[in-house]
């Protein structure tokens, strides 16, 4: 455990940021799972709707610094490819 006041504060700040990042990543993963489920069910309309939501969540996460821009681009590209295959 830290003894210095600033180190104790850093620990608290890091915990807060970690919780926020986990929540954002969880939202993104849930959105991706919805797209994957729609693709597995071959439901093109639902897949496109879920894809729109997933892209929005991924972009928000990137804007907040949770994901690197190339990571988000890769995720969006893979999801789009999967949806376009069934469309």
N, C-alpha and C. Protein backbone atom coordinates (compact mmCIF):
# COMPACT_ATOMS: atom_id res chain seq x y z
N UNK A 1 0.85 -1.19 0.00
CA UNK A 1 0.00 0.00 0.00
C UNK A 1 0.89 1.24 0.00
N UNK A 2 0.41 2.25 -0.73
CA UNK A 2 1.17 3.49 -0.83
C UNK A 2 1.12 4.28 0.47
N UNK A 3 2.20 4.98 0.77
CA UNK A 3 2.27 5.84 1.96
C UNK A 3 2.13 7.32 1.61
N UNK A 4 2.54 7.68 0.40
CA UNK A 4 2.54 9.08 -0.01
C UNK A 4 1.12 9.47 -0.45
N UNK A 5 0.73 10.66 -0.07
CA UNK A 5 -0.62 11.14 -0.33
C UNK A 5 -0.96 11.13 -1.82
N UNK A 6 -0.05 11.60 -2.66
CA UNK A 6 -0.30 11.67 -4.10
C UNK A 6 -0.42 10.26 -4.70
N UNK A 7 0.35 9.32 -4.15
CA UNK A 7 0.27 7.94 -4.64
C UNK A 7 -1.08 7.32 -4.27
N UNK A 8 -1.57 7.65 -3.07
CA UNK A 8 -2.90 7.15 -2.66
C UNK A 8 -3.98 7.71 -3.57
N UNK A 9 -3.84 8.97 -3.93
CA UNK A 9 -4.81 9.59 -4.82
C UNK A 9 -4.76 8.93 -6.20
N UNK A 10 -3.56 8.66 -6.69
CA UNK A 10 -3.42 8.03 -8.01
C UNK A 10 -4.12 6.67 -8.01
N UNK A 11 -3.99 5.92 -6.92
CA UNK A 11 -4.64 4.61 -6.83
C UNK A 11 -6.16 4.76 -6.95
N UNK A 12 -6.71 5.76 -6.25
CA UNK A 12 -8.16 6.00 -6.31
C UNK A 12 -8.59 6.42 -7.71
N UNK A 13 -7.81 7.28 -8.34
CA UNK A 13 -8.14 7.76 -9.68
C UNK A 13 -8.09 6.61 -10.68
N UNK A 14 -7.07 5.76 -10.56
CA UNK A 14 -6.92 4.63 -11.47
C UNK A 14 -8.10 3.67 -11.31
N UNK A 15 -8.53 3.43 -10.08
CA UNK A 15 -9.68 2.56 -9.84
C UNK A 15 -10.92 3.11 -10.53
N UNK A 16 -11.13 4.41 -10.41
CA UNK A 16 -12.29 5.05 -11.03
C UNK A 16 -12.25 4.90 -12.54
N UNK A 17 -11.08 5.18 -13.11
CA UNK A 17 -10.93 5.07 -14.57
C UNK A 17 -11.09 3.64 -15.04
N UNK A 18 -10.57 2.68 -14.27
CA UNK A 18 -10.69 1.28 -14.63
C UNK A 18 -12.15 0.85 -14.66
N UNK A 19 -12.92 1.28 -13.67
CA UNK A 19 -14.35 0.95 -13.64
C UNK A 19 -15.07 1.53 -14.86
N UNK A 20 -14.74 2.77 -15.20
CA UNK A 20 -15.36 3.43 -16.35
C UNK A 20 -15.01 2.69 -17.64
N UNK A 21 -13.73 2.35 -17.79
CA UNK A 21 -13.30 1.65 -19.00
C UNK A 21 -13.96 0.28 -19.11
N UNK A 22 -14.09 -0.43 -17.98
CA UNK A 22 -14.74 -1.75 -18.00
C UNK A 22 -16.19 -1.63 -18.43
N UNK A 23 -16.87 -0.61 -17.94
CA UNK A 23 -18.28 -0.41 -18.30
C UNK A 23 -18.42 -0.13 -19.79
N UNK A 24 -17.54 0.71 -20.32
CA UNK A 24 -17.60 1.05 -21.74
C UNK A 24 -17.28 -0.17 -22.59
N UNK A 25 -16.25 -0.93 -22.22
CA UNK A 25 -15.89 -2.14 -22.97
C UNK A 25 -17.01 -3.16 -22.93
N UNK A 26 -17.68 -3.25 -21.80
CA UNK A 26 -18.79 -4.18 -21.66
C UNK A 26 -19.93 -3.82 -22.61
N UNK A 27 -20.22 -2.52 -22.72
CA UNK A 27 -21.26 -2.07 -23.65
C UNK A 27 -20.90 -2.44 -25.09
N UNK A 28 -19.64 -2.24 -25.44
CA UNK A 28 -19.18 -2.55 -26.79
C UNK A 28 -19.31 -4.06 -27.06
N UNK A 29 -18.87 -4.88 -26.10
CA UNK A 29 -18.93 -6.33 -26.28
C UNK A 29 -20.36 -6.80 -26.42
N UNK A 30 -21.28 -6.22 -25.64
CA UNK A 30 -22.68 -6.59 -25.73
C UNK A 30 -23.23 -6.25 -27.10
N UNK A 31 -22.90 -5.07 -27.61
CA UNK A 31 -23.36 -4.65 -28.93
C UNK A 31 -22.83 -5.59 -30.02
N UNK A 32 -21.56 -5.99 -29.89
CA UNK A 32 -20.96 -6.90 -30.87
C UNK A 32 -21.65 -8.27 -30.83
N UNK A 33 -21.95 -8.74 -29.61
CA UNK A 33 -22.63 -10.02 -29.47
C UNK A 33 -24.01 -9.99 -30.11
N UNK A 34 -24.71 -8.85 -30.02
CA UNK A 34 -26.03 -8.72 -30.65
C UNK A 34 -25.92 -8.82 -32.16
N UNK A 35 -24.89 -8.19 -32.72
CA UNK A 35 -24.67 -8.26 -34.17
C UNK A 35 -24.36 -9.70 -34.57
N UNK A 36 -23.47 -10.35 -33.82
CA UNK A 36 -23.10 -11.73 -34.12
C UNK A 36 -24.31 -12.66 -34.05
N UNK A 37 -25.18 -12.45 -33.07
CA UNK A 37 -26.37 -13.27 -32.93
C UNK A 37 -27.31 -13.08 -34.11
N UNK A 38 -27.47 -11.84 -34.56
CA UNK A 38 -28.32 -11.55 -35.71
C UNK A 38 -27.74 -12.15 -36.98
N UNK A 39 -26.42 -12.11 -37.11
CA UNK A 39 -25.76 -12.71 -38.28
C UNK A 39 -25.94 -14.23 -38.25
N UNK A 40 -25.79 -14.84 -37.07
CA UNK A 40 -25.96 -16.29 -36.95
C UNK A 40 -27.38 -16.71 -37.28
N UNK A 41 -28.35 -15.84 -36.97
CA UNK A 41 -29.75 -16.14 -37.27
C UNK A 41 -30.12 -15.75 -38.70
N UNK A 42 -29.18 -15.20 -39.45
CA UNK A 42 -29.38 -14.74 -40.83
C UNK A 42 -30.51 -13.73 -40.96
N UNK A 43 -30.64 -12.87 -39.96
CA UNK A 43 -31.65 -11.82 -39.97
C UNK A 43 -30.98 -10.52 -40.41
N UNK A 44 -31.07 -10.21 -41.71
CA UNK A 44 -30.35 -9.07 -42.27
C UNK A 44 -30.82 -7.74 -41.69
N UNK A 45 -32.12 -7.57 -41.54
CA UNK A 45 -32.66 -6.30 -41.05
C UNK A 45 -32.20 -6.04 -39.61
N UNK A 46 -32.31 -7.07 -38.77
CA UNK A 46 -31.88 -6.93 -37.38
C UNK A 46 -30.37 -6.72 -37.30
N UNK A 47 -29.64 -7.43 -38.14
CA UNK A 47 -28.18 -7.30 -38.14
C UNK A 47 -27.75 -5.88 -38.50
N UNK A 48 -28.41 -5.28 -39.48
CA UNK A 48 -28.06 -3.91 -39.88
C UNK A 48 -28.38 -2.92 -38.77
N UNK A 49 -29.51 -3.12 -38.10
CA UNK A 49 -29.88 -2.24 -37.00
C UNK A 49 -28.89 -2.37 -35.84
N UNK A 50 -28.54 -3.61 -35.51
CA UNK A 50 -27.58 -3.84 -34.44
C UNK A 50 -26.20 -3.33 -34.81
N UNK A 51 -25.84 -3.44 -36.09
CA UNK A 51 -24.55 -2.94 -36.56
C UNK A 51 -24.44 -1.44 -36.35
N UNK A 52 -25.52 -0.72 -36.65
CA UNK A 52 -25.53 0.72 -36.47
C UNK A 52 -25.28 1.08 -35.00
N UNK A 53 -25.95 0.36 -34.10
CA UNK A 53 -25.77 0.60 -32.66
C UNK A 53 -24.35 0.25 -32.22
N UNK A 54 -23.83 -0.87 -32.74
CA UNK A 54 -22.49 -1.31 -32.37
C UNK A 54 -21.43 -0.30 -32.83
N UNK A 55 -21.58 0.19 -34.04
CA UNK A 55 -20.63 1.18 -34.56
C UNK A 55 -20.65 2.43 -33.70
N UNK A 56 -21.85 2.82 -33.28
CA UNK A 56 -21.98 3.99 -32.42
C UNK A 56 -21.25 3.79 -31.09
N UNK A 57 -21.45 2.62 -30.48
CA UNK A 57 -20.79 2.32 -29.20
C UNK A 57 -19.28 2.26 -29.35
N UNK A 58 -18.81 1.65 -30.44
CA UNK A 58 -17.37 1.54 -30.67
C UNK A 58 -16.76 2.92 -30.87
N UNK A 59 -17.45 3.77 -31.63
CA UNK A 59 -16.94 5.13 -31.87
C UNK A 59 -16.89 5.95 -30.58
N UNK A 60 -17.91 5.77 -29.74
CA UNK A 60 -17.92 6.47 -28.46
C UNK A 60 -16.74 6.03 -27.60
N UNK A 61 -16.48 4.73 -27.58
CA UNK A 61 -15.37 4.20 -26.80
C UNK A 61 -14.03 4.73 -27.32
N UNK A 62 -13.91 4.85 -28.63
CA UNK A 62 -12.69 5.37 -29.22
C UNK A 62 -12.51 6.83 -28.87
N UNK A 63 -13.59 7.57 -28.93
CA UNK A 63 -13.53 9.01 -28.62
C UNK A 63 -13.13 9.25 -27.18
N UNK A 64 -13.53 8.34 -26.29
CA UNK A 64 -13.19 8.47 -24.87
C UNK A 64 -11.81 7.91 -24.54
N UNK A 65 -11.15 7.32 -25.53
CA UNK A 65 -9.79 6.83 -25.32
C UNK A 65 -9.70 5.41 -24.79
N UNK A 66 -10.82 4.68 -24.81
CA UNK A 66 -10.80 3.30 -24.31
C UNK A 66 -10.16 2.39 -25.35
N UNK A 67 -10.46 2.63 -26.63
CA UNK A 67 -9.89 1.85 -27.72
C UNK A 67 -9.02 2.74 -28.60
N UNK A 68 -7.97 2.16 -29.17
CA UNK A 68 -7.16 2.84 -30.17
C UNK A 68 -7.97 2.92 -31.45
N UNK A 69 -7.73 3.93 -32.27
CA UNK A 69 -8.55 4.12 -33.47
C UNK A 69 -8.42 2.95 -34.44
N UNK A 70 -7.25 2.33 -34.52
CA UNK A 70 -7.10 1.18 -35.41
C UNK A 70 -7.86 -0.04 -34.90
N UNK A 71 -7.92 -0.18 -33.59
CA UNK A 71 -8.68 -1.28 -32.99
C UNK A 71 -10.15 -1.12 -33.31
N UNK A 72 -10.66 0.08 -33.17
CA UNK A 72 -12.08 0.31 -33.45
C UNK A 72 -12.36 0.12 -34.94
N UNK A 73 -11.45 0.56 -35.78
CA UNK A 73 -11.63 0.40 -37.23
C UNK A 73 -11.66 -1.09 -37.59
N UNK A 74 -10.80 -1.88 -36.95
CA UNK A 74 -10.77 -3.31 -37.20
C UNK A 74 -12.07 -3.97 -36.77
N UNK A 75 -12.56 -3.62 -35.59
CA UNK A 75 -13.80 -4.19 -35.08
C UNK A 75 -14.98 -3.85 -36.01
N UNK A 76 -15.06 -2.59 -36.40
CA UNK A 76 -16.15 -2.15 -37.28
C UNK A 76 -16.06 -2.85 -38.62
N UNK A 77 -14.85 -2.99 -39.15
CA UNK A 77 -14.65 -3.64 -40.44
C UNK A 77 -15.11 -5.09 -40.40
N UNK A 78 -14.75 -5.81 -39.35
CA UNK A 78 -15.12 -7.22 -39.24
C UNK A 78 -16.62 -7.39 -39.10
N UNK A 79 -17.24 -6.51 -38.31
CA UNK A 79 -18.68 -6.59 -38.14
C UNK A 79 -19.40 -6.27 -39.46
N UNK A 80 -18.94 -5.24 -40.15
CA UNK A 80 -19.56 -4.85 -41.42
C UNK A 80 -19.44 -5.96 -42.44
N UNK A 81 -18.29 -6.59 -42.49
CA UNK A 81 -18.07 -7.70 -43.42
C UNK A 81 -19.04 -8.85 -43.14
N UNK A 82 -19.22 -9.17 -41.87
CA UNK A 82 -20.13 -10.26 -41.49
C UNK A 82 -21.57 -9.93 -41.87
N UNK A 83 -21.97 -8.69 -41.64
CA UNK A 83 -23.34 -8.29 -41.96
C UNK A 83 -23.55 -8.25 -43.47
N UNK A 84 -22.56 -7.76 -44.21
CA UNK A 84 -22.69 -7.68 -45.66
C UNK A 84 -22.74 -9.06 -46.32
N UNK A 85 -22.14 -10.06 -45.68
CA UNK A 85 -22.17 -11.41 -46.24
C UNK A 85 -23.58 -11.99 -46.24
N UNK A 86 -24.37 -11.65 -45.22
CA UNK A 86 -25.73 -12.20 -45.16
C UNK A 86 -26.74 -11.33 -45.89
N UNK A 87 -26.39 -10.08 -46.17
CA UNK A 87 -27.33 -9.14 -46.81
C UNK A 87 -27.53 -9.46 -48.29
